[in-house]
PDB file of N, CA and C in Angstrom:
ATOM      1  N   MET A   1     -49.416-162.009 -14.239  1.00  0.00           N
ATOM      2  CA  MET A   1     -49.891-163.367 -14.396  1.00  0.00           C
ATOM      3  C   MET A   1     -50.346-163.871 -13.033  1.00  0.00           C
ATOM      4  N   ARG A   2     -51.510-164.443 -12.986  1.00  0.00           N
ATOM      5  CA  ARG A   2     -52.028-165.013 -11.746  1.00  0.00           C
ATOM      6  C   ARG A   2     -52.072-166.524 -11.876  1.00  0.00           C
ATOM      7  N   ILE A   3     -51.678-167.186 -10.787  1.00  0.00           N
ATOM      8  CA  ILE A   3     -51.680-168.649 -10.767  1.00  0.00           C
ATOM      9  C   ILE A   3     -52.460-169.087  -9.533  1.00  0.00           C
ATOM     10  N   GLU A   4     -53.389-170.001  -9.719  1.00  0.00           N
ATOM     11  CA  GLU A   4     -54.224-170.484  -8.622  1.00  0.00           C
ATOM     12  C   GLU A   4     -53.529-171.604  -7.854  1.00  0.00           C
ATOM     13  N   VAL A   5     -53.654-171.563  -6.533  1.00  0.00           N
ATOM     14  CA  VAL A   5     -53.183-172.662  -5.682  1.00  0.00           C
ATOM     15  C   VAL A   5     -54.280-173.721  -5.734  1.00  0.00           C
ATOM     16  N   LYS A   6     -53.907-174.949  -6.134  1.00  0.00           N
ATOM     17  CA  LYS A   6     -54.905-176.004  -6.344  1.00  0.00           C
ATOM     18  C   LYS A   6     -54.573-177.263  -5.556  1.00  0.00           C
ATOM     19  N   LYS A   7     -55.607-178.026  -5.275  1.00  0.00           N
ATOM     20  CA  LYS A   7     -55.417-179.342  -4.674  1.00  0.00           C
ATOM     21  C   LYS A   7     -55.029-180.295  -5.805  1.00  0.00           C
ATOM     22  N   ILE A   8     -53.941-181.001  -5.599  1.00  0.00           N
ATOM     23  CA  ILE A   8     -53.456-181.963  -6.587  1.00  0.00           C
ATOM     24  C   ILE A   8     -53.254-183.287  -5.845  1.00  0.00           C
ATOM     25  N   GLY A   9     -54.205-184.191  -5.985  1.00  0.00           N
ATOM     26  CA  GLY A   9     -54.149-185.439  -5.224  1.00  0.00           C
ATOM     27  C   GLY A   9     -54.294-185.127  -3.742  1.00  0.00           C
ATOM     28  N   ASN A  10     -53.349-185.615  -2.933  1.00  0.00           N
ATOM     29  CA  ASN A  10     -53.359-185.337  -1.494  1.00  0.00           C
ATOM     30  C   ASN A  10     -52.503-184.129  -1.149  1.00  0.00           C
ATOM     31  N   SER A  11     -52.034-183.405  -2.149  1.00  0.00           N
ATOM     32  CA  SER A  11     -51.149-182.264  -1.933  1.00  0.00           C
ATOM     33  C   SER A  11     -51.795-180.985  -2.450  1.00  0.00           C
ATOM     34  N   THR A  12     -51.086-179.893  -2.272  1.00  0.00           N
ATOM     35  CA  THR A  12     -51.493-178.602  -2.815  1.00  0.00           C
ATOM     36  C   THR A  12     -50.354-178.108  -3.680  1.00  0.00           C
ATOM     37  N   GLY A  13     -50.667-177.532  -4.830  1.00  0.00           N
ATOM     38  CA  GLY A  13     -49.590-177.113  -5.721  1.00  0.00           C
ATOM     39  C   GLY A  13     -50.004-175.997  -6.657  1.00  0.00           C
ATOM     40  N   LEU A  14     -49.078-175.616  -7.474  1.00  0.00           N
ATOM     41  CA  LEU A  14     -49.272-174.596  -8.499  1.00  0.00           C
ATOM     42  C   LEU A  14     -49.068-175.247  -9.851  1.00  0.00           C
ATOM     43  N   ILE A  15     -49.884-174.882 -10.800  1.00  0.00           N
ATOM     44  CA  ILE A  15     -49.690-175.351 -12.169  1.00  0.00           C
ATOM     45  C   ILE A  15     -49.190-174.153 -12.968  1.00  0.00           C
ATOM     46  N   LEU A  16     -47.978-174.279 -13.513  1.00  0.00           N
ATOM     47  CA  LEU A  16     -47.376-173.180 -14.256  1.00  0.00           C
ATOM     48  C   LEU A  16     -47.771-173.259 -15.721  1.00  0.00           C
ATOM     49  N   PRO A  17     -48.209-172.142 -16.291  1.00  0.00           N
ATOM     50  CA  PRO A  17     -48.577-172.133 -17.713  1.00  0.00           C
ATOM     51  C   PRO A  17     -47.369-172.436 -18.603  1.00  0.00           C
ATOM     52  N   LYS A  18     -47.635-173.011 -19.779  1.00  0.00           N
ATOM     53  CA  LYS A  18     -46.573-173.361 -20.728  1.00  0.00           C
ATOM     54  C   LYS A  18     -45.669-172.181 -21.040  1.00  0.00           C
ATOM     55  N   GLU A  19     -46.271-170.991 -21.240  1.00  0.00           N
ATOM     56  CA  GLU A  19     -45.478-169.810 -21.606  1.00  0.00           C
ATOM     57  C   GLU A  19     -44.476-169.445 -20.510  1.00  0.00           C
ATOM     58  N   LEU A  20     -44.871-169.587 -19.254  1.00  0.00           N
ATOM     59  CA  LEU A  20     -43.951-169.305 -18.154  1.00  0.00           C
ATOM     60  C   LEU A  20     -42.858-170.365 -18.095  1.00  0.00           C
ATOM     61  N   MET A  21     -43.239-171.619 -18.272  1.00  0.00           N
ATOM     62  CA  MET A  21     -42.256-172.705 -18.292  1.00  0.00           C
ATOM     63  C   MET A  21     -41.219-172.449 -19.378  1.00  0.00           C
ATOM     64  N   HIS A  22     -41.677-172.025 -20.538  1.00  0.00           N
ATOM     65  CA  HIS A  22     -40.776-171.757 -21.654  1.00  0.00           C
ATOM     66  C   HIS A  22     -39.838-170.597 -21.333  1.00  0.00           C
ATOM     67  N   ARG A  23     -40.389-169.490 -20.802  1.00  0.00           N
ATOM     68  CA  ARG A  23     -39.565-168.317 -20.490  1.00  0.00           C
ATOM     69  C   ARG A  23     -38.519-168.616 -19.432  1.00  0.00           C
ATOM     70  N   LEU A  24     -38.866-169.461 -18.457  1.00  0.00           N
ATOM     71  CA  LEU A  24     -37.915-169.815 -17.390  1.00  0.00           C
ATOM     72  C   LEU A  24     -37.017-170.984 -17.777  1.00  0.00           C
ATOM     73  N   LYS A  25     -37.242-171.527 -18.970  1.00  0.00           N
ATOM     74  CA  LYS A  25     -36.482-172.701 -19.447  1.00  0.00           C
ATOM     75  C   LYS A  25     -36.597-173.862 -18.459  1.00  0.00           C
ATOM     76  N   LEU A  26     -37.828-174.106 -18.006  1.00  0.00           N
ATOM     77  CA  LEU A  26     -38.103-175.183 -17.068  1.00  0.00           C
ATOM     78  C   LEU A  26     -38.731-176.361 -17.800  1.00  0.00           C
ATOM     79  N   HIS A  27     -38.497-177.537 -17.247  1.00  0.00           N
ATOM     80  CA  HIS A  27     -39.103-178.761 -17.768  1.00  0.00           C
ATOM     81  C   HIS A  27     -39.721-179.509 -16.596  1.00  0.00           C
ATOM     82  N   GLN A  28     -40.659-180.372 -16.889  1.00  0.00           N
ATOM     83  CA  GLN A  28     -41.291-181.162 -15.841  1.00  0.00           C
ATOM     84  C   GLN A  28     -40.201-181.904 -15.064  1.00  0.00           C
ATOM     85  N   GLY A  29     -40.259-181.821 -13.744  1.00  0.00           N
ATOM     86  CA  GLY A  29     -39.274-182.477 -12.885  1.00  0.00           C
ATOM     87  C   GLY A  29     -38.163-181.550 -12.422  1.00  0.00           C
ATOM     88  N   ASP A  30     -38.030-180.356 -13.036  1.00  0.00           N
ATOM     89  CA  ASP A  30     -37.023-179.393 -12.585  1.00  0.00           C
ATOM     90  C   ASP A  30     -37.403-178.854 -11.207  1.00  0.00           C
ATOM     91  N   TRP A  31     -36.433-178.289 -10.520  1.00  0.00           N
ATOM     92  CA  TRP A  31     -36.643-177.700  -9.203  1.00  0.00           C
ATOM     93  C   TRP A  31     -36.609-176.184  -9.306  1.00  0.00           C
ATOM     94  N   LEU A  32     -37.396-175.528  -8.444  1.00  0.00           N
ATOM     95  CA  LEU A  32     -37.397-174.071  -8.344  1.00  0.00           C
ATOM     96  C   LEU A  32     -36.894-173.668  -6.963  1.00  0.00           C
ATOM     97  N   ASP A  33     -36.185-172.553  -6.901  1.00  0.00           N
ATOM     98  CA  ASP A  33     -35.810-171.960  -5.625  1.00  0.00           C
ATOM     99  C   ASP A  33     -36.856-170.899  -5.303  1.00  0.00           C
ATOM    100  N   VAL A  34     -37.310-170.873  -4.062  1.00  0.00           N
ATOM    101  CA  VAL A  34     -38.290-169.895  -3.602  1.00  0.00           C
ATOM    102  C   VAL A  34     -37.592-168.982  -2.610  1.00  0.00           C
ATOM    103  N   THR A  35     -37.616-167.685  -2.888  1.00  0.00           N
ATOM    104  CA  THR A  35     -36.999-166.697  -2.010  1.00  0.00           C
ATOM    105  C   THR A  35     -38.087-165.802  -1.450  1.00  0.00           C
ATOM    106  N   GLU A  36     -38.156-165.714  -0.117  1.00  0.00           N
ATOM    107  CA  GLU A  36     -39.106-164.811   0.516  1.00  0.00           C
ATOM    108  C   GLU A  36     -38.485-163.425   0.569  1.00  0.00           C
ATOM    109  N   MET A  37     -39.186-162.439   0.023  1.00  0.00           N
ATOM    110  CA  MET A  37     -38.690-161.075  -0.035  1.00  0.00           C
ATOM    111  C   MET A  37     -39.137-160.303   1.209  1.00  0.00           C
ATOM    112  N   ALA A  38     -38.455-159.196   1.497  1.00  0.00           N
ATOM    113  CA  ALA A  38     -38.745-158.391   2.686  1.00  0.00           C
ATOM    114  C   ALA A  38     -40.172-157.862   2.696  1.00  0.00           C
ATOM    115  N   ASP A  39     -40.736-157.614   1.527  1.00  0.00           N
ATOM    116  CA  ASP A  39     -42.088-157.051   1.449  1.00  0.00           C
ATOM    117  C   ASP A  39     -43.189-158.116   1.540  1.00  0.00           C
ATOM    118  N   GLY A  40     -42.809-159.379   1.790  1.00  0.00           N
ATOM    119  CA  GLY A  40     -43.779-160.458   1.927  1.00  0.00           C
ATOM    120  C   GLY A  40     -44.061-161.208   0.634  1.00  0.00           C
ATOM    121  N   SER A  41     -43.519-160.735  -0.476  1.00  0.00           N
ATOM    122  CA  SER A  41     -43.709-161.436  -1.744  1.00  0.00           C
ATOM    123  C   SER A  41     -42.705-162.588  -1.840  1.00  0.00           C
ATOM    124  N   VAL A  42     -42.862-163.413  -2.850  1.00  0.00           N
ATOM    125  CA  VAL A  42     -41.921-164.504  -3.076  1.00  0.00           C
ATOM    126  C   VAL A  42     -41.362-164.404  -4.491  1.00  0.00           C
ATOM    127  N   LYS A  43     -40.142-164.875  -4.649  1.00  0.00           N
ATOM    128  CA  LYS A  43     -39.481-164.886  -5.950  1.00  0.00           C
ATOM    129  C   LYS A  43     -39.209-166.343  -6.299  1.00  0.00           C
ATOM    130  N   LEU A  44     -39.626-166.764  -7.481  1.00  0.00           N
ATOM    131  CA  LEU A  44     -39.359-168.116  -7.972  1.00  0.00           C
ATOM    132  C   LEU A  44     -38.280-168.026  -9.035  1.00  0.00           C
ATOM    133  N   SER A  45     -37.288-168.885  -8.945  1.00  0.00           N
ATOM    134  CA  SER A  45     -36.246-168.918  -9.964  1.00  0.00           C
ATOM    135  C   SER A  45     -35.769-170.349 -10.148  1.00  0.00           C
ATOM    136  N   PRO A  46     -35.278-170.674 -11.334  1.00  0.00           N
ATOM    137  CA  PRO A  46     -34.764-172.028 -11.554  1.00  0.00           C
ATOM    138  C   PRO A  46     -33.655-172.352 -10.554  1.00  0.00           C
ATOM    139  N   HIS A  47     -33.633-173.577 -10.077  1.00  0.00           N
ATOM    140  CA  HIS A  47     -32.638-173.996  -9.085  1.00  0.00           C
ATOM    141  C   HIS A  47     -31.235-173.887  -9.662  1.00  0.00           C
ATOM    142  N   ASP A  48     -30.344-173.305  -8.875  1.00  0.00           N
ATOM    143  CA  ASP A  48     -28.946-173.135  -9.267  1.00  0.00           C
ATOM    144  C   ASP A  48     -28.070-173.758  -8.186  1.00  0.00           C
ATOM    145  N   PRO A  49     -27.514-174.960  -8.415  1.00  0.00           N
ATOM    146  CA  PRO A  49     -26.700-175.627  -7.390  1.00  0.00           C
ATOM    147  C   PRO A  49     -25.511-174.781  -6.929  1.00  0.00           C
ATOM    148  N   LEU A  50     -24.921-174.007  -7.818  1.00  0.00           N
ATOM    149  CA  LEU A  50     -23.780-173.171  -7.449  1.00  0.00           C
ATOM    150  C   LEU A  50     -24.222-172.078  -6.473  1.00  0.00           C
ATOM    151  N   PHE A  51     -25.372-171.471  -6.710  1.00  0.00           N
ATOM    152  CA  PHE A  51     -25.901-170.459  -5.809  1.00  0.00           C
ATOM    153  C   PHE A  51     -26.200-171.083  -4.445  1.00  0.00           C
ATOM    154  N   GLU A  52     -26.791-172.282  -4.448  1.00  0.00           N
ATOM    155  CA  GLU A  52     -27.113-172.978  -3.200  1.00  0.00           C
ATOM    156  C   GLU A  52     -25.847-173.211  -2.371  1.00  0.00           C
ATOM    157  N   LYS A  53     -24.780-173.646  -3.004  1.00  0.00           N
ATOM    158  CA  LYS A  53     -23.516-173.876  -2.297  1.00  0.00           C
ATOM    159  C   LYS A  53     -22.987-172.566  -1.724  1.00  0.00           C
ATOM    160  N   GLY A  54     -23.073-171.480  -2.500  1.00  0.00           N
ATOM    161  CA  GLY A  54     -22.629-170.178  -2.015  1.00  0.00           C
ATOM    162  C   GLY A  54     -23.420-169.724  -0.800  1.00  0.00           C
ATOM    163  N   MET A  55     -24.732-169.974  -0.820  1.00  0.00           N
ATOM    164  CA  MET A  55     -25.575-169.598   0.318  1.00  0.00           C
ATOM    165  C   MET A  55     -25.227-170.415   1.559  1.00  0.00           C
ATOM    166  N   GLU A  56     -24.902-171.689   1.376  1.00  0.00           N
ATOM    167  CA  GLU A  56     -24.493-172.517   2.512  1.00  0.00           C
ATOM    168  C   GLU A  56     -23.217-171.962   3.132  1.00  0.00           C
ATOM    169  N   ILE A  57     -22.270-171.553   2.309  1.00  0.00           N
ATOM    170  CA  ILE A  57     -21.018-170.978   2.793  1.00  0.00           C
ATOM    171  C   ILE A  57     -21.294-169.669   3.528  1.00  0.00           C
ATOM    172  N   ALA A  58     -22.165-168.826   2.952  1.00  0.00           N
ATOM    173  CA  ALA A  58     -22.496-167.550   3.578  1.00  0.00           C
ATOM    174  C   ALA A  58     -23.181-167.757   4.928  1.00  0.00           C
ATOM    175  N   GLU A  59     -24.125-168.687   5.002  1.00  0.00           N
ATOM    176  CA  GLU A  59     -24.830-168.960   6.258  1.00  0.00           C
ATOM    177  C   GLU A  59     -23.862-169.461   7.323  1.00  0.00           C
ATOM    178  N   ASP A  60     -22.916-170.307   6.930  1.00  0.00           N
ATOM    179  CA  ASP A  60     -21.903-170.802   7.865  1.00  0.00           C
ATOM    180  C   ASP A  60     -21.044-169.646   8.380  1.00  0.00           C
ATOM    181  N   ALA A  61     -20.637-168.752   7.496  1.00  0.00           N
ATOM    182  CA  ALA A  61     -19.818-167.608   7.896  1.00  0.00           C
ATOM    183  C   ALA A  61     -20.593-166.687   8.834  1.00  0.00           C
ATOM    184  N   ILE A  62     -21.875-166.476   8.564  1.00  0.00           N
ATOM    185  CA  ILE A  62     -22.695-165.623   9.422  1.00  0.00           C
ATOM    186  C   ILE A  62     -22.793-166.215  10.820  1.00  0.00           C
ATOM    187  N   LYS A  63     -22.991-167.530  10.910  1.00  0.00           N
ATOM    188  CA  LYS A  63     -23.048-168.186  12.227  1.00  0.00           C
ATOM    189  C   LYS A  63     -21.702-168.095  12.937  1.00  0.00           C
ATOM    190  N   ARG A  64     -20.642-168.374  12.214  1.00  0.00           N
ATOM    191  CA  ARG A  64     -19.309-168.412  12.803  1.00  0.00           C
ATOM    192  C   ARG A  64     -18.857-167.033  13.286  1.00  0.00           C
ATOM    193  N   TYR A  65     -19.172-166.000  12.530  1.00  0.00           N
ATOM    194  CA  TYR A  65     -18.684-164.657  12.849  1.00  0.00           C
ATOM    195  C   TYR A  65     -19.803-163.731  13.328  1.00  0.00           C
ATOM    196  N   ARG A  66     -20.825-164.297  13.972  1.00  0.00           N
ATOM    197  CA  ARG A  66     -21.983-163.536  14.436  1.00  0.00           C
ATOM    198  C   ARG A  66     -21.576-162.339  15.298  1.00  0.00           C
ATOM    199  N   ASN A  67     -20.717-162.581  16.283  1.00  0.00           N
ATOM    200  CA  ASN A  67     -20.322-161.488  17.201  1.00  0.00           C
ATOM    201  C   ASN A  67     -19.572-160.396  16.456  1.00  0.00           C
ATOM    202  N   ALA A  68     -18.676-160.754  15.579  1.00  0.00           N
ATOM    203  CA  ALA A  68     -17.915-159.756  14.816  1.00  0.00           C
ATOM    204  C   ALA A  68     -18.858-158.946  13.916  1.00  0.00           C
ATOM    205  N   LEU A  69     -19.829-159.612  13.323  1.00  0.00           N
ATOM    206  CA  LEU A  69     -20.775-158.919  12.448  1.00  0.00           C
ATOM    207  C   LEU A  69     -21.653-157.955  13.245  1.00  0.00           C
ATOM    208  N   LYS A  70     -22.052-158.354  14.465  1.00  0.00           N
ATOM    209  CA  LYS A  70     -22.828-157.446  15.321  1.00  0.00           C
ATOM    210  C   LYS A  70     -22.022-156.213  15.665  1.00  0.00           C
ATOM    211  N   THR A  71     -20.749-156.394  15.975  1.00  0.00           N
ATOM    212  CA  THR A  71     -19.875-155.259  16.304  1.00  0.00           C
ATOM    213  C   THR A  71     -19.712-154.337  15.090  1.00  0.00           C
ATOM    214  N   LEU A  72     -19.508-154.905  13.933  1.00  0.00           N
ATOM    215  CA  LEU A  72     -19.334-154.099  12.721  1.00  0.00           C
ATOM    216  C   LEU A  72     -20.619-153.359  12.336  1.00  0.00           C
ATOM    217  N   ALA A  73     -21.769-153.898  12.710  1.00  0.00           N
ATOM    218  CA  ALA A  73     -23.043-153.285  12.354  1.00  0.00           C
ATOM    219  C   ALA A  73     -23.348-152.031  13.174  1.00  0.00           C
ATOM    220  N   LYS A  74     -22.635-151.839  14.280  1.00  0.00           N
ATOM    221  CA  LYS A  74     -22.877-150.664  15.144  1.00  0.00           C
ATOM    222  C   LYS A  74     -22.382-149.402  14.515  1.00  0.00           C
TER     223      LYS A  74
END
């Protein structure tokens, strides 16, 4: 499926087809999480507040234990 990047008013956006909205169980006004993948692609998924909280905890742990993680990575 290809989606065109379009000018919408003073902004730029994507218009998602109805079939994709239905498959993702999205409604107008819902939020999407965008994940940048290692290969340069992006992954769109419905926003999950629980996942967001988990990522905040993980990012905090990575910052806090940076030196220990570097040592373990050797």
